[in-house]
Amino acid sequence: MSVVDKTGVKVDKSKSYFPLANLTHDGWSSDTEATATCLCGSVQLKFPTQKPGLVNTFVCNCSDCRKITASMFASNFTIDDKYLTHVRGQENLKTFGQADTIGSGKKMTNYFCNTCGGLMYRKGEAFPGMSILRIGTVDDFHLHETKLRPETEQFIKGRVAWFTGVEGAEKHEGSAYT
């Protein structure tokens, strides 16, 4: 599959594809690892693209994910913290956490880049030792279509009518993981 990027260059999306999507242009991927970077480039993470470090991939339609992403759903993947590396910018992360709007009723803490405001990941008391990253932060866009394609969709009872869901994904009325 090919697309034309904003500079007019035809891009083959069947292999690694790094569009102009952050200000540092230094994201990378290999067969087993990749990077996720905020918009300004101040924060970059390294994560595995396969098990056991890659725990799951999912779309969430809950009201909390709508608000925290300013969108109608969030596309996520979960990484076992033993395999997550802060390449740079850990000191530039700011946090905000609460439990009132979380489906489990347990605290969820959000980690944002202090410079550009990009949400890099979330950590929930209901998911100890795990970090929930956003697929959109991943630098190699090919991974969005392949290894990180959501396998599960949760809180479908709250999904907007104009989104029919992720084709082929396992569906759950509420949380798939608690």
N, C-alpha and C. Protein backbone atom coordinates (compact mmCIF):
# COMPACT_ATOMS: atom_id res chain seq x y z
N MET A 1 0.84 -1.18 0.00
CA MET A 1 0.00 0.00 0.00
C MET A 1 0.89 1.24 0.00
N SER A 2 0.58 2.19 -0.85
CA SER A 2 1.36 3.42 -0.93
C SER A 2 0.49 4.63 -0.62
N VAL A 3 1.12 5.66 -0.08
CA VAL A 3 0.48 6.94 0.16
C VAL A 3 1.45 8.03 -0.27
N VAL A 4 0.93 9.21 -0.47
CA VAL A 4 1.77 10.36 -0.79
C VAL A 4 1.87 11.22 0.45
N ASP A 5 3.11 11.49 0.89
CA ASP A 5 3.27 12.30 2.11
C ASP A 5 3.10 13.78 1.78
N LYS A 6 3.21 14.64 2.79
CA LYS A 6 2.91 16.05 2.59
C LYS A 6 3.93 16.77 1.72
N THR A 7 5.07 16.14 1.45
CA THR A 7 6.06 16.74 0.54
C THR A 7 5.87 16.26 -0.89
N GLY A 8 4.84 15.39 -1.11
CA GLY A 8 4.56 14.89 -2.44
C GLY A 8 5.29 13.61 -2.80
N VAL A 9 6.01 13.04 -1.85
CA VAL A 9 6.78 11.82 -2.09
C VAL A 9 5.88 10.61 -1.84
N LYS A 10 5.91 9.64 -2.76
CA LYS A 10 5.15 8.41 -2.59
C LYS A 10 5.86 7.53 -1.57
N VAL A 11 5.10 7.05 -0.58
CA VAL A 11 5.65 6.27 0.52
C VAL A 11 5.02 4.87 0.51
N ASP A 12 5.85 3.85 0.64
CA ASP A 12 5.39 2.47 0.71
C ASP A 12 5.08 2.14 2.17
N LYS A 13 3.80 2.00 2.50
CA LYS A 13 3.39 1.74 3.88
C LYS A 13 3.53 0.27 4.27
N SER A 14 4.01 -0.58 3.37
CA SER A 14 4.17 -1.99 3.70
C SER A 14 5.49 -2.25 4.42
N LYS A 15 6.27 -1.21 4.62
CA LYS A 15 7.52 -1.34 5.39
C LYS A 15 7.65 -0.12 6.30
N SER A 16 8.70 -0.08 7.10
CA SER A 16 8.88 1.02 8.05
C SER A 16 8.67 2.37 7.36
N TYR A 17 7.95 3.24 8.06
CA TYR A 17 7.54 4.52 7.51
C TYR A 17 7.59 5.56 8.62
N PHE A 18 8.45 6.56 8.47
CA PHE A 18 8.66 7.60 9.49
C PHE A 18 8.30 8.97 8.90
N PRO A 19 7.03 9.35 8.95
CA PRO A 19 6.65 10.66 8.42
C PRO A 19 7.15 11.78 9.34
N LEU A 20 7.08 12.98 8.84
CA LEU A 20 7.44 14.13 9.67
C LEU A 20 6.36 14.27 10.73
N ALA A 21 6.62 13.72 11.94
CA ALA A 21 5.60 13.68 12.98
C ALA A 21 6.12 14.14 14.33
N ASN A 22 7.39 14.53 14.42
CA ASN A 22 7.91 15.17 15.63
C ASN A 22 9.09 16.03 15.22
N LEU A 23 9.55 16.86 16.11
CA LEU A 23 10.56 17.85 15.74
C LEU A 23 11.99 17.35 15.79
N THR A 24 12.23 16.13 16.28
CA THR A 24 13.60 15.63 16.36
C THR A 24 13.97 14.67 15.24
N HIS A 25 13.00 14.04 14.60
CA HIS A 25 13.22 13.15 13.45
C HIS A 25 14.21 12.03 13.74
N ASP A 26 14.23 11.50 14.96
CA ASP A 26 15.21 10.46 15.29
C ASP A 26 14.58 9.17 15.79
N GLY A 27 13.31 8.94 15.46
CA GLY A 27 12.67 7.69 15.83
C GLY A 27 13.22 6.55 15.00
N TRP A 28 13.09 5.35 15.52
CA TRP A 28 13.60 4.17 14.81
C TRP A 28 12.81 2.93 15.22
N SER A 29 12.99 1.87 14.46
CA SER A 29 12.42 0.58 14.84
C SER A 29 13.33 -0.52 14.29
N SER A 30 13.25 -1.68 14.94
CA SER A 30 13.94 -2.89 14.49
C SER A 30 12.91 -4.01 14.49
N ASP A 31 13.33 -5.22 14.30
CA ASP A 31 12.39 -6.34 14.33
C ASP A 31 11.77 -6.54 15.71
N THR A 32 12.46 -6.08 16.76
CA THR A 32 12.02 -6.38 18.13
C THR A 32 11.74 -5.16 19.00
N GLU A 33 12.16 -3.96 18.59
CA GLU A 33 12.00 -2.76 19.41
C GLU A 33 11.67 -1.56 18.54
N ALA A 34 11.15 -0.51 19.18
CA ALA A 34 10.84 0.73 18.48
C ALA A 34 10.81 1.88 19.48
N THR A 35 10.65 3.08 18.94
CA THR A 35 10.57 4.27 19.79
C THR A 35 9.21 4.92 19.67
N ALA A 36 8.86 5.65 20.74
CA ALA A 36 7.67 6.50 20.79
C ALA A 36 8.16 7.87 21.27
N THR A 37 7.77 8.92 20.58
CA THR A 37 8.28 10.25 20.87
C THR A 37 7.12 11.25 20.91
N CYS A 38 7.22 12.22 21.81
CA CYS A 38 6.21 13.28 21.85
C CYS A 38 6.40 14.21 20.65
N LEU A 39 5.49 15.13 20.44
CA LEU A 39 5.53 16.03 19.29
C LEU A 39 6.80 16.88 19.26
N CYS A 40 7.19 17.44 20.38
CA CYS A 40 8.36 18.32 20.39
C CYS A 40 9.67 17.54 20.41
N GLY A 41 9.62 16.25 20.77
CA GLY A 41 10.81 15.43 20.79
C GLY A 41 11.55 15.40 22.11
N SER A 42 11.04 16.11 23.10
CA SER A 42 11.72 16.16 24.40
C SER A 42 11.69 14.82 25.12
N VAL A 43 10.62 14.04 24.91
CA VAL A 43 10.47 12.74 25.58
C VAL A 43 10.47 11.64 24.52
N GLN A 44 11.32 10.64 24.75
CA GLN A 44 11.33 9.49 23.85
C GLN A 44 11.44 8.22 24.69
N LEU A 45 10.65 7.22 24.31
CA LEU A 45 10.63 5.93 24.97
C LEU A 45 11.07 4.85 23.99
N LYS A 46 11.64 3.78 24.53
CA LYS A 46 11.97 2.59 23.74
C LYS A 46 11.16 1.44 24.31
N PHE A 47 10.54 0.64 23.45
CA PHE A 47 9.68 -0.44 23.92
C PHE A 47 9.80 -1.65 22.98
N PRO A 48 9.45 -2.83 23.48
CA PRO A 48 9.47 -4.03 22.65
C PRO A 48 8.23 -4.10 21.76
N THR A 49 8.37 -4.71 20.60
CA THR A 49 7.24 -4.86 19.68
C THR A 49 6.73 -6.30 19.63
N GLN A 50 7.09 -7.07 20.62
CA GLN A 50 6.60 -8.46 20.71
C GLN A 50 6.56 -8.90 22.16
N LYS A 51 5.89 -10.01 22.40
CA LYS A 51 5.80 -10.56 23.75
C LYS A 51 7.17 -11.05 24.19
N PRO A 52 7.51 -11.07 25.44
CA PRO A 52 6.62 -10.85 26.57
C PRO A 52 6.47 -9.38 26.96
N GLY A 53 7.31 -8.47 26.44
CA GLY A 53 7.23 -7.07 26.84
C GLY A 53 6.00 -6.35 26.33
N LEU A 54 5.58 -6.68 25.10
CA LEU A 54 4.35 -6.13 24.55
C LEU A 54 3.21 -6.99 25.07
N VAL A 55 2.40 -6.44 25.95
CA VAL A 55 1.36 -7.21 26.64
C VAL A 55 0.09 -7.30 25.81
N ASN A 56 -0.41 -6.17 25.29
CA ASN A 56 -1.63 -6.17 24.49
C ASN A 56 -1.76 -4.88 23.71
N THR A 57 -2.70 -4.87 22.76
CA THR A 57 -3.02 -3.68 21.96
C THR A 57 -4.54 -3.55 21.97
N PHE A 58 -5.04 -2.31 22.15
CA PHE A 58 -6.49 -2.17 22.27
C PHE A 58 -6.97 -0.75 21.98
N VAL A 59 -8.23 -0.67 21.62
CA VAL A 59 -8.93 0.60 21.49
C VAL A 59 -9.87 0.70 22.69
N CYS A 60 -9.90 1.88 23.30
CA CYS A 60 -10.79 2.11 24.44
C CYS A 60 -11.76 3.24 24.11
N ASN A 61 -13.03 2.97 24.32
CA ASN A 61 -14.10 3.95 24.06
C ASN A 61 -14.67 4.55 25.34
N CYS A 62 -14.00 4.38 26.48
CA CYS A 62 -14.55 4.89 27.74
C CYS A 62 -14.52 6.42 27.77
N SER A 63 -15.33 6.99 28.63
CA SER A 63 -15.42 8.45 28.70
C SER A 63 -14.11 9.08 29.16
N ASP A 64 -13.37 8.41 30.02
CA ASP A 64 -12.09 8.93 30.48
C ASP A 64 -11.10 9.04 29.32
N CYS A 65 -11.01 8.00 28.50
CA CYS A 65 -10.11 8.05 27.34
C CYS A 65 -10.52 9.12 26.34
N ARG A 66 -11.82 9.34 26.20
CA ARG A 66 -12.28 10.42 25.32
C ARG A 66 -11.73 11.76 25.80
N LYS A 67 -11.88 12.02 27.08
CA LYS A 67 -11.45 13.32 27.62
C LYS A 67 -9.94 13.48 27.60
N ILE A 68 -9.21 12.43 28.00
CA ILE A 68 -7.75 12.56 28.12
C ILE A 68 -7.07 12.68 26.75
N THR A 69 -7.73 12.16 25.69
CA THR A 69 -7.15 12.24 24.35
C THR A 69 -7.77 13.34 23.49
N ALA A 70 -8.86 13.95 23.98
CA ALA A 70 -9.60 14.96 23.19
C ALA A 70 -10.06 14.34 21.87
N SER A 71 -10.48 13.08 21.93
CA SER A 71 -10.94 12.35 20.76
C SER A 71 -12.09 11.44 21.17
N MET A 72 -12.61 10.64 20.27
CA MET A 72 -13.75 9.78 20.59
C MET A 72 -13.33 8.42 21.12
N PHE A 73 -12.04 8.08 21.03
CA PHE A 73 -11.52 6.83 21.55
C PHE A 73 -10.01 6.95 21.62
N ALA A 74 -9.39 6.01 22.31
CA ALA A 74 -7.93 5.99 22.40
C ALA A 74 -7.42 4.66 21.85
N SER A 75 -6.37 4.71 21.05
CA SER A 75 -5.71 3.49 20.57
C SER A 75 -4.44 3.31 21.38
N ASN A 76 -4.36 2.17 22.06
CA ASN A 76 -3.35 1.96 23.09
C ASN A 76 -2.59 0.65 22.91
N PHE A 77 -1.46 0.57 23.60
CA PHE A 77 -0.78 -0.71 23.77
C PHE A 77 -0.14 -0.71 25.15
N THR A 78 -0.10 -1.89 25.75
CA THR A 78 0.42 -2.03 27.10
C THR A 78 1.79 -2.69 27.07
N ILE A 79 2.72 -2.10 27.83
CA ILE A 79 4.09 -2.61 27.92
C ILE A 79 4.38 -2.97 29.37
N ASP A 80 4.98 -4.12 29.56
CA ASP A 80 5.48 -4.52 30.88
C ASP A 80 6.62 -3.56 31.22
N ASP A 81 6.54 -2.92 32.38
CA ASP A 81 7.52 -1.89 32.76
C ASP A 81 8.96 -2.39 32.77
N LYS A 82 9.17 -3.68 32.95
CA LYS A 82 10.55 -4.22 32.93
C LYS A 82 11.21 -4.01 31.57
N TYR A 83 10.39 -3.80 30.53
CA TYR A 83 10.91 -3.68 29.16
C TYR A 83 10.83 -2.27 28.60
N LEU A 84 10.31 -1.32 29.37
CA LEU A 84 10.15 0.05 28.90
C LEU A 84 11.36 0.88 29.32
N THR A 85 11.95 1.60 28.36
CA THR A 85 13.12 2.44 28.62
C THR A 85 12.81 3.89 28.28
N HIS A 86 13.17 4.79 29.17
CA HIS A 86 13.10 6.23 28.87
C HIS A 86 14.42 6.59 28.19
N VAL A 87 14.39 6.83 26.90
CA VAL A 87 15.60 7.20 26.15
C VAL A 87 16.03 8.60 26.57
N ARG A 88 15.06 9.50 26.65
CA ARG A 88 15.32 10.87 27.11
C ARG A 88 14.04 11.49 27.63
N GLY A 89 14.20 12.50 28.46
CA GLY A 89 13.10 13.33 28.88
C GLY A 89 12.27 12.86 30.06
N GLN A 90 12.70 11.82 30.76
CA GLN A 90 11.90 11.36 31.91
C GLN A 90 11.70 12.49 32.91
N GLU A 91 12.71 13.33 33.09
CA GLU A 91 12.63 14.46 34.01
C GLU A 91 11.69 15.55 33.49
N ASN A 92 11.31 15.48 32.20
CA ASN A 92 10.43 16.47 31.59
C ASN A 92 8.96 16.03 31.63
N LEU A 93 8.69 14.89 32.23
CA LEU A 93 7.32 14.39 32.33
C LEU A 93 6.61 15.00 33.54
N LYS A 94 5.39 15.42 33.33
CA LYS A 94 4.51 15.89 34.40
C LYS A 94 3.38 14.88 34.55
N THR A 95 2.84 14.79 35.74
CA THR A 95 1.79 13.80 35.98
C THR A 95 0.50 14.43 36.46
N PHE A 96 -0.57 13.74 36.14
CA PHE A 96 -1.89 14.06 36.66
C PHE A 96 -2.60 12.73 36.87
N GLY A 97 -3.11 12.50 38.07
CA GLY A 97 -3.79 11.25 38.34
C GLY A 97 -5.07 11.45 39.12
N GLN A 98 -6.02 10.53 38.92
CA GLN A 98 -7.29 10.57 39.64
C GLN A 98 -7.97 9.22 39.46
N ALA A 99 -9.01 8.98 40.24
CA ALA A 99 -9.75 7.72 40.17
C ALA A 99 -11.24 7.92 39.87
N ASP A 100 -11.73 9.14 39.96
CA ASP A 100 -13.17 9.39 39.87
C ASP A 100 -13.79 8.95 38.54
N THR A 101 -13.09 9.10 37.41
CA THR A 101 -13.68 8.77 36.10
C THR A 101 -13.15 7.46 35.54
N ILE A 102 -12.38 6.72 36.31
CA ILE A 102 -11.76 5.48 35.84
C ILE A 102 -12.72 4.31 36.07
N GLY A 103 -12.91 3.48 35.07
CA GLY A 103 -13.84 2.36 35.15
C GLY A 103 -13.60 1.43 36.32
N SER A 104 -12.33 1.20 36.66
CA SER A 104 -12.01 0.30 37.77
C SER A 104 -12.22 0.96 39.13
N GLY A 105 -12.34 2.31 39.13
CA GLY A 105 -12.44 3.03 40.39
C GLY A 105 -11.09 3.22 41.07
N LYS A 106 -10.04 2.74 40.42
CA LYS A 106 -8.68 2.87 40.97
C LYS A 106 -7.94 3.97 40.22
N LYS A 107 -6.97 4.56 40.88
CA LYS A 107 -6.23 5.71 40.33
C LYS A 107 -5.51 5.35 39.03
N MET A 108 -5.60 6.28 38.07
CA MET A 108 -4.85 6.21 36.82
C MET A 108 -4.02 7.48 36.75
N THR A 109 -2.71 7.34 36.55
CA THR A 109 -1.82 8.49 36.47
C THR A 109 -1.36 8.66 35.03
N ASN A 110 -1.46 9.87 34.54
CA ASN A 110 -1.09 10.22 33.17
C ASN A 110 0.26 10.93 33.17
N TYR A 111 1.11 10.58 32.22
CA TYR A 111 2.45 11.15 32.10
C TYR A 111 2.54 11.95 30.82
N PHE A 112 2.63 13.27 30.96
CA PHE A 112 2.62 14.21 29.85
C PHE A 112 4.00 14.86 29.67
N CYS A 113 4.37 15.17 28.42
CA CYS A 113 5.54 16.00 28.18
C CYS A 113 5.24 17.40 28.69
N ASN A 114 6.10 17.94 29.51
CA ASN A 114 5.90 19.27 30.08
C ASN A 114 6.06 20.37 29.03
N THR A 115 6.74 20.08 27.93
CA THR A 115 6.97 21.09 26.90
C THR A 115 5.80 21.18 25.92
N CYS A 116 5.42 20.05 25.29
CA CYS A 116 4.37 20.10 24.27
C CYS A 116 3.02 19.58 24.75
N GLY A 117 2.98 18.96 25.93
CA GLY A 117 1.72 18.46 26.47
C GLY A 117 1.31 17.08 25.99
N GLY A 118 2.15 16.44 25.17
CA GLY A 118 1.81 15.12 24.64
C GLY A 118 1.67 14.07 25.73
N LEU A 119 0.57 13.29 25.70
CA LEU A 119 0.38 12.20 26.64
C LEU A 119 1.23 11.02 26.17
N MET A 120 2.22 10.66 26.96
CA MET A 120 3.13 9.58 26.58
C MET A 120 2.66 8.22 27.07
N TYR A 121 2.15 8.18 28.30
CA TYR A 121 1.64 6.91 28.81
C TYR A 121 0.82 7.14 30.07
N ARG A 122 0.15 6.06 30.48
CA ARG A 122 -0.66 6.05 31.70
C ARG A 122 -0.25 4.85 32.53
N LYS A 123 -0.37 4.98 33.84
CA LYS A 123 -0.12 3.88 34.76
C LYS A 123 -1.31 3.80 35.71
N GLY A 124 -1.89 2.61 35.80
CA GLY A 124 -3.06 2.44 36.63
C GLY A 124 -2.83 1.51 37.80
N GLU A 125 -3.41 1.85 38.94
CA GLU A 125 -3.31 0.97 40.11
C GLU A 125 -3.91 -0.40 39.82
N ALA A 126 -4.85 -0.47 38.88
CA ALA A 126 -5.46 -1.75 38.52
C ALA A 126 -4.53 -2.60 37.64
N PHE A 127 -3.45 -1.99 37.14
CA PHE A 127 -2.52 -2.67 36.25
C PHE A 127 -1.08 -2.48 36.73
N PRO A 128 -0.74 -3.02 37.90
CA PRO A 128 0.61 -2.79 38.45
C PRO A 128 1.70 -3.34 37.53
N GLY A 129 2.79 -2.57 37.43
CA GLY A 129 3.93 -3.01 36.63
C GLY A 129 3.74 -2.86 35.13
N MET A 130 2.71 -2.12 34.73
CA MET A 130 2.41 -1.94 33.31
C MET A 130 2.28 -0.46 32.98
N SER A 131 2.63 -0.10 31.76
CA SER A 131 2.42 1.25 31.24
C SER A 131 1.58 1.14 29.98
N ILE A 132 0.59 2.02 29.86
CA ILE A 132 -0.30 2.05 28.71
C ILE A 132 0.12 3.22 27.83
N LEU A 133 0.67 2.90 26.66
CA LEU A 133 1.14 3.91 25.72
C LEU A 133 0.11 4.13 24.63
N ARG A 134 0.18 5.26 23.96
CA ARG A 134 -0.70 5.59 22.85
C ARG A 134 -0.02 5.18 21.54
N ILE A 135 -0.76 4.47 20.70
CA ILE A 135 -0.20 4.02 19.42
C ILE A 135 0.26 5.22 18.60
N GLY A 136 -0.44 6.34 18.68
CA GLY A 136 -0.08 7.53 17.90
C GLY A 136 1.26 8.14 18.25
N THR A 137 1.86 7.77 19.39
CA THR A 137 3.19 8.30 19.74
C THR A 137 4.31 7.51 19.09
N VAL A 138 4.00 6.35 18.52
CA VAL A 138 5.02 5.48 17.93
C VAL A 138 5.54 6.09 16.64
N ASP A 139 6.86 6.18 16.53
CA ASP A 139 7.50 6.87 15.42
C ASP A 139 7.37 6.15 14.08
N ASP A 140 7.44 4.82 14.07
CA ASP A 140 7.31 4.05 12.84
C ASP A 140 5.83 3.79 12.58
N PHE A 141 5.25 4.51 11.63
CA PHE A 141 3.82 4.40 11.35
C PHE A 141 3.43 3.03 10.79
N HIS A 142 4.38 2.30 10.23
CA HIS A 142 4.08 0.94 9.76
C HIS A 142 3.63 0.06 10.92
N LEU A 143 4.19 0.27 12.10
CA LEU A 143 3.80 -0.52 13.27
C LEU A 143 2.35 -0.29 13.67
N HIS A 144 1.79 0.88 13.36
CA HIS A 144 0.39 1.17 13.65
C HIS A 144 -0.52 0.18 12.92
N GLU A 145 -0.08 -0.23 11.73
CA GLU A 145 -0.87 -1.12 10.87
C GLU A 145 -0.58 -2.59 11.11
N THR A 146 0.52 -2.89 11.78
CA THR A 146 0.97 -4.28 11.89
C THR A 146 1.04 -4.73 13.34
N LYS A 147 2.19 -4.70 13.95
CA LYS A 147 2.40 -5.25 15.29
C LYS A 147 1.56 -4.57 16.37
N LEU A 148 1.18 -3.31 16.17
CA LEU A 148 0.41 -2.57 17.18
C LEU A 148 -1.06 -2.41 16.81
N ARG A 149 -1.49 -3.06 15.75
CA ARG A 149 -2.91 -2.99 15.37
C ARG A 149 -3.74 -3.53 16.54
N PRO A 150 -4.75 -2.77 16.98
CA PRO A 150 -5.54 -3.21 18.14
C PRO A 150 -6.18 -4.58 17.95
N GLU A 151 -5.98 -5.44 18.94
CA GLU A 151 -6.56 -6.79 18.94
C GLU A 151 -7.87 -6.83 19.73
N THR A 152 -8.08 -5.83 20.57
CA THR A 152 -9.24 -5.78 21.46
C THR A 152 -9.84 -4.38 21.40
N GLU A 153 -11.16 -4.32 21.54
CA GLU A 153 -11.84 -3.04 21.68
C GLU A 153 -12.72 -3.13 22.92
N GLN A 154 -12.57 -2.16 23.82
CA GLN A 154 -13.33 -2.21 25.08
C GLN A 154 -14.23 -0.99 25.23
N PHE A 155 -15.18 -1.13 26.16
CA PHE A 155 -16.20 -0.12 26.42
C PHE A 155 -16.98 0.23 25.15
N ILE A 156 -17.32 -0.82 24.38
CA ILE A 156 -18.06 -0.58 23.13
C ILE A 156 -19.45 -0.02 23.40
N LYS A 157 -19.96 -0.23 24.61
CA LYS A 157 -21.29 0.33 24.94
C LYS A 157 -21.25 1.85 24.91
N GLY A 158 -20.08 2.47 25.05
CA GLY A 158 -19.94 3.91 25.01
C GLY A 158 -19.41 4.44 23.69
N ARG A 159 -19.25 3.57 22.71
CA ARG A 159 -18.69 3.97 21.41
C ARG A 159 -19.67 4.88 20.68
N VAL A 160 -19.14 5.90 20.01
CA VAL A 160 -19.98 6.80 19.21
C VAL A 160 -20.56 6.02 18.02
N ALA A 161 -21.76 6.41 17.60
CA ALA A 161 -22.47 5.68 16.56
C ALA A 161 -21.74 5.70 15.21
N TRP A 162 -21.00 6.75 14.93
CA TRP A 162 -20.35 6.85 13.62
C TRP A 162 -19.06 6.04 13.52
N PHE A 163 -18.60 5.47 14.62
CA PHE A 163 -17.41 4.59 14.60
C PHE A 163 -17.91 3.16 14.81
N THR A 164 -17.68 2.32 13.83
CA THR A 164 -18.19 0.95 13.90
C THR A 164 -17.22 -0.01 14.56
N GLY A 165 -16.08 0.48 14.99
CA GLY A 165 -15.14 -0.35 15.71
C GLY A 165 -14.00 -0.87 14.86
N VAL A 166 -13.12 -1.58 15.51
CA VAL A 166 -11.93 -2.13 14.85
C VAL A 166 -12.30 -3.49 14.28
N GLU A 167 -12.24 -3.60 12.98
CA GLU A 167 -12.59 -4.85 12.31
C GLU A 167 -11.71 -5.99 12.80
N GLY A 168 -12.34 -7.07 13.20
CA GLY A 168 -11.61 -8.26 13.64
C GLY A 168 -11.16 -8.25 15.09
N ALA A 169 -11.33 -7.13 15.77
CA ALA A 169 -10.91 -7.05 17.18
C ALA A 169 -11.94 -7.72 18.08
N GLU A 170 -11.46 -8.31 19.16
CA GLU A 170 -12.35 -8.88 20.18
C GLU A 170 -13.06 -7.73 20.87
N LYS A 171 -14.38 -7.82 21.03
CA LYS A 171 -15.19 -6.72 21.58
C LYS A 171 -15.61 -7.01 23.01
N HIS A 172 -15.62 -5.94 23.84
CA HIS A 172 -16.05 -6.04 25.24
C HIS A 172 -16.93 -4.85 25.58
N GLU A 173 -18.07 -5.12 26.22
CA GLU A 173 -18.99 -4.05 26.64
C GLU A 173 -18.33 -3.10 27.63
N GLY A 174 -17.55 -3.65 28.55
CA GLY A 174 -16.83 -2.86 29.56
C GLY A 174 -15.34 -3.07 29.39
N SER A 175 -14.62 -3.09 30.49
CA SER A 175 -13.18 -3.30 30.44
C SER A 175 -12.85 -4.73 30.04
N ALA A 176 -11.86 -4.86 29.21
CA ALA A 176 -11.39 -6.20 28.81
C ALA A 176 -10.36 -6.74 29.79
N TYR A 177 -9.87 -5.89 30.70
CA TYR A 177 -8.70 -6.27 31.50
C TYR A 177 -8.90 -6.22 33.01
N THR A 178 -10.06 -5.82 33.50
CA THR A 178 -10.27 -5.83 34.95
C THR A 178 -11.46 -6.67 35.32
